[in-house]
Every structure is written in C-alpha cells, then in structure tokens.
Amino acid sequence: MTRGNQRDKAREKNLKDQAGQKKKNTQSGTEFAKTKEAQAAIMREKQAKAAAKAAGDGAAPKQK
C-alpha cells in the first residue's frame, strides 16, 4: 500500500496543534487579574468620556 498523503495528514495535524497552542492563556492568575483590571479601567475611562460628550451635546446616550 502506498502512503502518499501521510506527509500531508501529518502537516495538517501539526498546524491544528499549533493553532490550539496559540489560544492558550500563558498568564498566571495574578498577571491575568492585573491585566483584566487595567483593561476595565481603560473601558471605564472611555465610557466616562462618552457620557460626558453625550451630556455636553444634550443628546441622550444610546442604549440597547
């Protein structure tokens, strides 16, 4: 029997494994918490700016 596609199958498997490894979280618990808090602070700042802009324009902010 020939094994012509063995190399292709192995390559596909390795690409799939490498893609899965990229998605893994490499941060520890404390690093993740610090990053999450920093991102939350940035988001709160953006929301405050948007609310101030909306209040200054006299228009109500959009809600879902």
PDB file of N, CA and C in Angstrom:
ATOM      1  N   MET A   1       0.840  -1.187   0.000  1.00  0.00           N
ATOM      2  CA  MET A   1       0.000   0.000   0.000  1.00  0.00           C
ATOM      3  C   MET A   1       0.880   1.242   0.000  1.00  0.00           C
ATOM      4  N   THR A   2       0.395   2.248  -0.666  1.00  0.00           N
ATOM      5  CA  THR A   2       1.159   3.493  -0.723  1.00  0.00           C
ATOM      6  C   THR A   2       0.666   4.440   0.361  1.00  0.00           C
ATOM      7  N   ARG A   3       1.552   5.293   0.760  1.00  0.00           N
ATOM      8  CA  ARG A   3       1.217   6.271   1.801  1.00  0.00           C
ATOM      9  C   ARG A   3       1.519   7.667   1.281  1.00  0.00           C
ATOM     10  N   GLY A   4       0.900   8.008   0.196  1.00  0.00           N
ATOM     11  CA  GLY A   4       1.184   9.275  -0.468  1.00  0.00           C
ATOM     12  C   GLY A   4       0.749  10.497   0.316  1.00  0.00           C
ATOM     13  N   ASN A   5      -0.316  10.391   1.077  1.00  0.00           N
ATOM     14  CA  ASN A   5      -0.808  11.576   1.774  1.00  0.00           C
ATOM     15  C   ASN A   5      -0.409  11.602   3.248  1.00  0.00           C
ATOM     16  N   GLN A   6       0.475  10.726   3.658  1.00  0.00           N
ATOM     17  CA  GLN A   6       0.877  10.668   5.067  1.00  0.00           C
ATOM     18  C   GLN A   6       1.522  11.983   5.502  1.00  0.00           C
ATOM     19  N   ARG A   7       2.372  12.532   4.641  1.00  0.00           N
ATOM     20  CA  ARG A   7       3.042  13.794   4.958  1.00  0.00           C
ATOM     21  C   ARG A   7       2.022  14.926   5.080  1.00  0.00           C
ATOM     22  N   ASP A   8       1.051  14.946   4.167  1.00  0.00           N
ATOM     23  CA  ASP A   8       0.024  15.986   4.208  1.00  0.00           C
ATOM     24  C   ASP A   8      -0.833  15.878   5.460  1.00  0.00           C
ATOM     25  N   LYS A   9      -1.188  14.679   5.831  1.00  0.00           N
ATOM     26  CA  LYS A   9      -2.002  14.477   7.037  1.00  0.00           C
ATOM     27  C   LYS A   9      -1.239  14.906   8.289  1.00  0.00           C
ATOM     28  N   ALA A  10       0.051  14.580   8.346  1.00  0.00           N
ATOM     29  CA  ALA A  10       0.864  14.973   9.497  1.00  0.00           C
ATOM     30  C   ALA A  10       0.995  16.488   9.562  1.00  0.00           C
ATOM     31  N   ARG A  11       1.144  17.114   8.405  1.00  0.00           N
ATOM     32  CA  ARG A  11       1.254  18.578   8.357  1.00  0.00           C
ATOM     33  C   ARG A  11      -0.041  19.226   8.851  1.00  0.00           C
ATOM     34  N   GLU A  12      -1.185  18.735   8.394  1.00  0.00           N
ATOM     35  CA  GLU A  12      -2.473  19.261   8.844  1.00  0.00           C
ATOM     36  C   GLU A  12      -2.637  19.110  10.352  1.00  0.00           C
ATOM     37  N   LYS A  13      -2.246  17.966  10.869  1.00  0.00           N
ATOM     38  CA  LYS A  13      -2.355  17.716  12.308  1.00  0.00           C
ATOM     39  C   LYS A  13      -1.477  18.685  13.092  1.00  0.00           C
ATOM     40  N   ASN A  14      -0.248  18.897  12.621  1.00  0.00           N
ATOM     41  CA  ASN A  14       0.660  19.815  13.309  1.00  0.00           C
ATOM     42  C   ASN A  14       0.155  21.247  13.262  1.00  0.00           C
ATOM     43  N   LEU A  15      -0.401  21.667  12.132  1.00  0.00           N
ATOM     44  CA  LEU A  15      -0.952  23.019  12.036  1.00  0.00           C
ATOM     45  C   LEU A  15      -2.117  23.201  13.003  1.00  0.00           C
ATOM     46  N   LYS A  16      -2.947  22.175  13.120  1.00  0.00           N
ATOM     47  CA  LYS A  16      -4.077  22.235  14.044  1.00  0.00           C
ATOM     48  C   LYS A  16      -3.584  22.336  15.487  1.00  0.00           C
ATOM     49  N   ASP A  17      -2.560  21.549  15.831  1.00  0.00           N
ATOM     50  CA  ASP A  17      -1.997  21.591  17.183  1.00  0.00           C
ATOM     51  C   ASP A  17      -1.384  22.951  17.488  1.00  0.00           C
ATOM     52  N   GLN A  18      -0.668  23.523  16.525  1.00  0.00           N
ATOM     53  CA  GLN A  18      -0.034  24.825  16.731  1.00  0.00           C
ATOM     54  C   GLN A  18      -1.082  25.916  16.901  1.00  0.00           C
ATOM     55  N   ALA A  19      -2.172  25.849  16.160  1.00  0.00           N
ATOM     56  CA  ALA A  19      -3.238  26.833  16.297  1.00  0.00           C
ATOM     57  C   ALA A  19      -3.864  26.743  17.685  1.00  0.00           C
ATOM     58  N   GLY A  20      -4.007  25.543  18.205  1.00  0.00           N
ATOM     59  CA  GLY A  20      -4.563  25.364  19.546  1.00  0.00           C
ATOM     60  C   GLY A  20      -3.651  25.907  20.618  1.00  0.00           C
ATOM     61  N   GLN A  21      -2.347  25.814  20.410  1.00  0.00           N
ATOM     62  CA  GLN A  21      -1.392  26.312  21.395  1.00  0.00           C
ATOM     63  C   GLN A  21      -1.395  27.831  21.459  1.00  0.00           C
ATOM     64  N   LYS A  22      -1.685  28.494  20.356  1.00  0.00           N
ATOM     65  CA  LYS A  22      -1.703  29.952  20.334  1.00  0.00           C
ATOM     66  C   LYS A  22      -2.840  30.506  21.188  1.00  0.00           C
ATOM     67  N   LYS A  23      -3.900  29.745  21.330  1.00  0.00           N
ATOM     68  CA  LYS A  23      -5.065  30.210  22.064  1.00  0.00           C
ATOM     69  C   LYS A  23      -4.925  30.058  23.573  1.00  0.00           C
ATOM     70  N   LYS A  24      -3.938  29.298  24.006  1.00  0.00           N
ATOM     71  CA  LYS A  24      -3.802  29.040  25.430  1.00  0.00           C
ATOM     72  C   LYS A  24      -3.398  30.300  26.181  1.00  0.00           C
ATOM     73  N   ASN A  25      -3.890  30.427  27.402  1.00  0.00           N
ATOM     74  CA  ASN A  25      -3.547  31.547  28.264  1.00  0.00           C
ATOM     75  C   ASN A  25      -2.218  31.244  28.945  1.00  0.00           C
ATOM     76  N   THR A  26      -1.248  32.126  28.765  1.00  0.00           N
ATOM     77  CA  THR A  26       0.069  31.897  29.344  1.00  0.00           C
ATOM     78  C   THR A  26       0.286  32.715  30.612  1.00  0.00           C
ATOM     79  N   GLN A  27      -0.688  33.519  30.998  1.00  0.00           N
ATOM     80  CA  GLN A  27      -0.537  34.360  32.183  1.00  0.00           C
ATOM     81  C   GLN A  27      -0.908  33.578  33.439  1.00  0.00           C
ATOM     82  N   SER A  28      -0.248  33.942  34.541  1.00  0.00           N
ATOM     83  CA  SER A  28      -0.615  33.349  35.822  1.00  0.00           C
ATOM     84  C   SER A  28      -1.873  34.048  36.336  1.00  0.00           C
ATOM     85  N   GLY A  29      -2.388  33.590  37.444  1.00  0.00           N
ATOM     86  CA  GLY A  29      -3.612  34.165  37.984  1.00  0.00           C
ATOM     87  C   GLY A  29      -3.483  35.631  38.335  1.00  0.00           C
ATOM     88  N   THR A  30      -2.370  36.011  38.969  1.00  0.00           N
ATOM     89  CA  THR A  30      -2.204  37.412  39.358  1.00  0.00           C
ATOM     90  C   THR A  30      -1.955  38.297  38.143  1.00  0.00           C
ATOM     91  N   GLU A  31      -1.202  37.795  37.176  1.00  0.00           N
ATOM     92  CA  GLU A  31      -0.967  38.572  35.958  1.00  0.00           C
ATOM     93  C   GLU A  31      -2.275  38.790  35.208  1.00  0.00           C
ATOM     94  N   PHE A  32      -3.091  37.757  35.140  1.00  0.00           N
ATOM     95  CA  PHE A  32      -4.376  37.863  34.461  1.00  0.00           C
ATOM     96  C   PHE A  32      -5.272  38.876  35.167  1.00  0.00           C
ATOM     97  N   ALA A  33      -5.285  38.853  36.496  1.00  0.00           N
ATOM     98  CA  ALA A  33      -6.116  39.785  37.262  1.00  0.00           C
ATOM     99  C   ALA A  33      -5.664  41.225  37.038  1.00  0.00           C
ATOM    100  N   LYS A  34      -4.349  41.452  37.021  1.00  0.00           N
ATOM    101  CA  LYS A  34      -3.830  42.803  36.782  1.00  0.00           C
ATOM    102  C   LYS A  34      -4.208  43.293  35.392  1.00  0.00           C
ATOM    103  N   THR A  35      -4.062  42.436  34.405  1.00  0.00           N
ATOM    104  CA  THR A  35      -4.407  42.801  33.033  1.00  0.00           C
ATOM    105  C   THR A  35      -5.892  43.103  32.915  1.00  0.00           C
ATOM    106  N   LYS A  36      -6.702  42.271  33.536  1.00  0.00           N
ATOM    107  CA  LYS A  36      -8.152  42.453  33.489  1.00  0.00           C
ATOM    108  C   LYS A  36      -8.547  43.778  34.137  1.00  0.00           C
ATOM    109  N   GLU A  37      -7.939  44.098  35.267  1.00  0.00           N
ATOM    110  CA  GLU A  37      -8.243  45.349  35.964  1.00  0.00           C
ATOM    111  C   GLU A  37      -7.801  46.554  35.138  1.00  0.00           C
ATOM    112  N   ALA A  38      -6.646  46.459  34.499  1.00  0.00           N
ATOM    113  CA  ALA A  38      -6.160  47.560  33.661  1.00  0.00           C
ATOM    114  C   ALA A  38      -7.098  47.788  32.476  1.00  0.00           C
ATOM    115  N   GLN A  39      -7.542  46.708  31.858  1.00  0.00           N
ATOM    116  CA  GLN A  39      -8.467  46.827  30.737  1.00  0.00           C
ATOM    117  C   GLN A  39      -9.808  47.401  31.190  1.00  0.00           C
ATOM    118  N   ALA A  40     -10.257  47.019  32.367  1.00  0.00           N
ATOM    119  CA  ALA A  40     -11.516  47.536  32.899  1.00  0.00           C
ATOM    120  C   ALA A  40     -11.406  49.029  33.180  1.00  0.00           C
ATOM    121  N   ALA A  41     -10.248  49.471  33.685  1.00  0.00           N
ATOM    122  CA  ALA A  41     -10.045  50.891  33.955  1.00  0.00           C
ATOM    123  C   ALA A  41     -10.079  51.694  32.658  1.00  0.00           C
ATOM    124  N   ILE A  42      -9.460  51.168  31.619  1.00  0.00           N
ATOM    125  CA  ILE A  42      -9.475  51.844  30.324  1.00  0.00           C
ATOM    126  C   ILE A  42     -10.902  51.939  29.797  1.00  0.00           C
ATOM    127  N   MET A  43     -11.667  50.866  29.941  1.00  0.00           N
ATOM    128  CA  MET A  43     -13.042  50.866  29.457  1.00  0.00           C
ATOM    129  C   MET A  43     -13.899  51.851  30.243  1.00  0.00           C
ATOM    130  N   ARG A  44     -13.716  51.913  31.568  1.00  0.00           N
ATOM    131  CA  ARG A  44     -14.469  52.878  32.373  1.00  0.00           C
ATOM    132  C   ARG A  44     -14.139  54.306  31.951  1.00  0.00           C
ATOM    133  N   GLU A  45     -12.865  54.558  31.642  1.00  0.00           N
ATOM    134  CA  GLU A  45     -12.445  55.887  31.203  1.00  0.00           C
ATOM    135  C   GLU A  45     -13.118  56.249  29.876  1.00  0.00           C
ATOM    136  N   LYS A  46     -13.160  55.314  28.955  1.00  0.00           N
ATOM    137  CA  LYS A  46     -13.812  55.547  27.666  1.00  0.00           C
ATOM    138  C   LYS A  46     -15.301  55.816  27.849  1.00  0.00           C
ATOM    139  N   GLN A  47     -15.936  55.045  28.737  1.00  0.00           N
ATOM    140  CA  GLN A  47     -17.364  55.231  28.973  1.00  0.00           C
ATOM    141  C   GLN A  47     -17.640  56.586  29.603  1.00  0.00           C
ATOM    142  N   ALA A  48     -16.765  57.029  30.508  1.00  0.00           N
ATOM    143  CA  ALA A  48     -16.938  58.331  31.138  1.00  0.00           C
ATOM    144  C   ALA A  48     -16.800  59.446  30.107  1.00  0.00           C
ATOM    145  N   LYS A  49     -15.830  59.310  29.204  1.00  0.00           N
ATOM    146  CA  LYS A  49     -15.662  60.314  28.143  1.00  0.00           C
ATOM    147  C   LYS A  49     -16.887  60.359  27.241  1.00  0.00           C
ATOM    148  N   ALA A  50     -17.408  59.191  26.898  1.00  0.00           N
ATOM    149  CA  ALA A  50     -18.582  59.127  26.035  1.00  0.00           C
ATOM    150  C   ALA A  50     -19.795  59.737  26.732  1.00  0.00           C
ATOM    151  N   ALA A  51     -19.941  59.472  28.021  1.00  0.00           N
ATOM    152  CA  ALA A  51     -21.066  60.028  28.773  1.00  0.00           C
ATOM    153  C   ALA A  51     -20.937  61.539  28.882  1.00  0.00           C
ATOM    154  N   ALA A  52     -19.717  62.028  29.099  1.00  0.00           N
ATOM    155  CA  ALA A  52     -19.503  63.468  29.193  1.00  0.00           C
ATOM    156  C   ALA A  52     -19.786  64.142  27.856  1.00  0.00           C
ATOM    157  N   LYS A  53     -19.381  63.507  26.782  1.00  0.00           N
ATOM    158  CA  LYS A  53     -19.627  64.062  25.454  1.00  0.00           C
ATOM    159  C   LYS A  53     -21.122  64.091  25.160  1.00  0.00           C
ATOM    160  N   ALA A  54     -21.814  63.023  25.520  1.00  0.00           N
ATOM    161  CA  ALA A  54     -23.254  62.952  25.294  1.00  0.00           C
ATOM    162  C   ALA A  54     -23.981  63.986  26.151  1.00  0.00           C
ATOM    163  N   ALA A  55     -23.529  64.178  27.381  1.00  0.00           N
ATOM    164  CA  ALA A  55     -24.159  65.162  28.262  1.00  0.00           C
ATOM    165  C   ALA A  55     -23.878  66.575  27.758  1.00  0.00           C
ATOM    166  N   GLY A  56     -22.712  66.791  27.210  1.00  0.00           N
ATOM    167  CA  GLY A  56     -22.356  68.101  26.689  1.00  0.00           C
ATOM    168  C   GLY A  56     -23.123  68.453  25.435  1.00  0.00           C
ATOM    169  N   ASP A  57     -23.433  67.468  24.622  1.00  0.00           N
ATOM    170  CA  ASP A  57     -24.181  67.705  23.395  1.00  0.00           C
ATOM    171  C   ASP A  57     -25.672  67.829  23.670  1.00  0.00           C
ATOM    172  N   GLY A  58     -26.112  67.384  24.813  1.00  0.00           N
ATOM    173  CA  GLY A  58     -27.520  67.431  25.152  1.00  0.00           C
ATOM    174  C   GLY A  58     -28.291  66.232  24.632  1.00  0.00           C
ATOM    175  N   ALA A  59     -27.611  65.330  23.994  1.00  0.00           N
ATOM    176  CA  ALA A  59     -28.269  64.136  23.465  1.00  0.00           C
ATOM    177  C   ALA A  59     -28.156  63.002  24.478  1.00  0.00           C
ATOM    178  N   ALA A  60     -29.170  62.183  24.520  1.00  0.00           N
ATOM    179  CA  ALA A  60     -29.138  61.036  25.427  1.00  0.00           C
ATOM    180  C   ALA A  60     -28.251  59.952  24.829  1.00  0.00           C
ATOM    181  N   PRO A  61     -27.482  59.253  25.655  1.00  0.00           N
ATOM    182  CA  PRO A  61     -26.654  58.165  25.119  1.00  0.00           C
ATOM    183  C   PRO A  61     -27.525  57.023  24.615  1.00  0.00           C
ATOM    184  N   LYS A  62     -27.040  56.358  23.582  1.00  0.00           N
ATOM    185  CA  LYS A  62     -27.797  55.245  23.011  1.00  0.00           C
ATOM    186  C   LYS A  62     -27.771  54.057  23.955  1.00  0.00           C
ATOM    187  N   GLN A  63     -28.898  53.374  24.048  1.00  0.00           N
ATOM    188  CA  GLN A  63     -28.976  52.161  24.851  1.00  0.00           C
ATOM    189  C   GLN A  63     -29.548  51.063  23.988  1.00  0.00           C
ATOM    190  N   LYS A  64     -29.165  49.843  24.288  1.00  0.00           N
ATOM    191  CA  LYS A  64     -29.655  48.697  23.510  1.00  0.00           C
ATOM    192  C   LYS A  64     -31.065  48.370  23.891  1.00  0.00           C
TER     193      LYS A  64
END
